[in-house]
């Protein structure tokens, strides 16, 4: 029996261009600033904020807000739950690439 090819079980929180890019980038660094993510993903402030909120609401990222002098600084990192979800997502993608 061949494995079933099913894209419907891909994590919808991760599977979107900006969120997918954010998860991939955050998996490769310990943390990233909002400005860094914005530049890497070529996203607008509003678009990035919306996608960041979705990942935060799912518990996939942690957002740390502070100040650098008087300037606000937002740092984002993957949570343990986010790293687990990312690894599961990659495993599912690998399964799809292998035909199942």
Protein backbone atom coordinates (compact mmCIF):
# COMPACT_ATOMS: atom_id res chain seq x y z
CA UNK A 1 0.00 0.00 0.00
CA UNK A 2 1.42 3.39 -1.02
CA UNK A 3 1.52 6.21 1.52
CA UNK A 4 -1.22 8.77 1.03
CA UNK A 5 -0.15 12.09 -0.50
CA UNK A 6 -1.99 14.63 1.67
CA UNK A 7 -1.18 18.32 1.82
CA UNK A 8 -4.26 19.03 3.95
CA UNK A 9 -2.38 18.11 7.10
CA UNK A 10 0.35 20.75 6.65
CA UNK A 11 0.35 23.12 9.62
CA UNK A 12 -1.68 26.13 8.38
CA UNK A 13 -0.04 28.41 10.95
CA UNK A 14 3.37 27.83 9.37
CA UNK A 15 2.35 27.30 5.75
CA UNK A 16 2.34 30.80 4.31
CA UNK A 17 5.18 32.69 2.64
CA UNK A 18 5.92 35.16 5.43
CA UNK A 19 5.32 32.76 8.34
CA UNK A 20 7.27 29.98 6.62
CA UNK A 21 10.16 32.38 6.01
CA UNK A 22 10.02 33.62 9.58
CA UNK A 23 10.09 30.09 11.01
CA UNK A 24 12.97 29.09 8.71
CA UNK A 25 15.02 32.16 9.61
CA UNK A 26 14.33 31.92 13.34
CA UNK A 27 15.33 28.25 13.31
CA UNK A 28 18.78 29.32 12.13
CA UNK A 29 19.40 32.12 14.67
CA UNK A 30 18.90 32.46 18.41
CA UNK A 31 16.75 35.58 17.99
CA UNK A 32 16.06 38.28 15.43
CA UNK A 33 14.89 41.86 15.68
CA UNK A 34 11.68 43.00 14.03
CA UNK A 35 13.75 45.14 11.64
CA UNK A 36 15.95 42.16 10.74
CA UNK A 37 12.91 39.97 9.99
CA UNK A 38 11.32 42.77 7.99
CA UNK A 39 14.44 43.10 5.82
CA UNK A 40 15.00 39.35 5.38
CA UNK A 41 11.36 38.67 4.46
CA UNK A 42 10.85 41.89 2.47
CA UNK A 43 7.61 42.51 4.36
CA UNK A 44 5.88 45.70 5.42
CA UNK A 45 5.54 46.55 9.11
CA UNK A 46 1.82 45.74 9.09
CA UNK A 47 2.18 42.49 7.18
CA UNK A 48 5.02 41.28 9.39
CA UNK A 49 3.11 42.26 12.55
CA UNK A 50 0.03 40.33 11.44
CA UNK A 51 1.98 37.16 10.68
CA UNK A 52 4.09 37.51 13.81
CA UNK A 53 0.91 37.76 15.91
CA UNK A 54 -0.43 34.56 14.35
CA UNK A 55 2.77 32.67 15.24
CA UNK A 56 2.78 34.20 18.72
CA UNK A 57 -0.89 33.27 19.32
CA UNK A 58 -0.05 29.67 18.34
CA UNK A 59 2.82 29.69 20.85
CA UNK A 60 5.43 29.16 18.11
CA UNK A 61 7.43 32.33 18.80
CA UNK A 62 8.30 34.44 21.80
CA UNK A 63 8.32 38.21 21.44
CA UNK A 64 10.52 40.25 23.76
CA UNK A 65 10.01 44.02 23.81
CA UNK A 66 12.55 46.39 25.31
CA UNK A 67 14.17 49.72 24.64
CA UNK A 68 17.57 50.61 23.23
CA UNK A 69 17.87 54.08 24.73
CA UNK A 70 14.52 55.60 23.81
CA UNK A 71 14.03 53.45 20.75
CA UNK A 72 11.71 50.41 21.05
CA UNK A 73 13.37 47.08 20.26
CA UNK A 74 11.39 43.94 19.47
CA UNK A 75 13.25 40.61 19.44
CA UNK A 76 11.65 37.38 18.27
CA UNK A 77 12.75 33.80 18.91
CA UNK A 78 11.32 30.34 18.37
CA UNK A 79 9.68 28.77 21.40
CA UNK A 80 10.17 25.09 22.22
CA UNK A 81 6.68 24.48 20.85
CA UNK A 82 7.61 26.38 17.68
CA UNK A 83 10.80 24.39 17.18
CA UNK A 84 8.82 21.14 17.60
CA UNK A 85 6.18 22.36 15.12
CA UNK A 86 8.91 23.42 12.66
CA UNK A 87 10.60 20.00 12.81
CA UNK A 88 7.23 18.28 12.32
CA UNK A 89 6.46 20.58 9.36
CA UNK A 90 9.81 19.76 7.75
CA UNK A 91 9.18 16.05 8.30
CA UNK A 92 5.80 16.32 6.62
CA UNK A 93 7.30 18.21 3.69
CA UNK A 94 9.98 15.53 3.34
CA UNK A 95 7.26 12.89 3.32
CA UNK A 96 5.43 14.76 0.54
CA UNK A 97 8.64 15.07 -1.47
CA UNK A 98 9.12 11.32 -1.13
CA UNK A 99 5.66 10.74 -2.61
CA UNK A 100 3.70 10.22 0.55
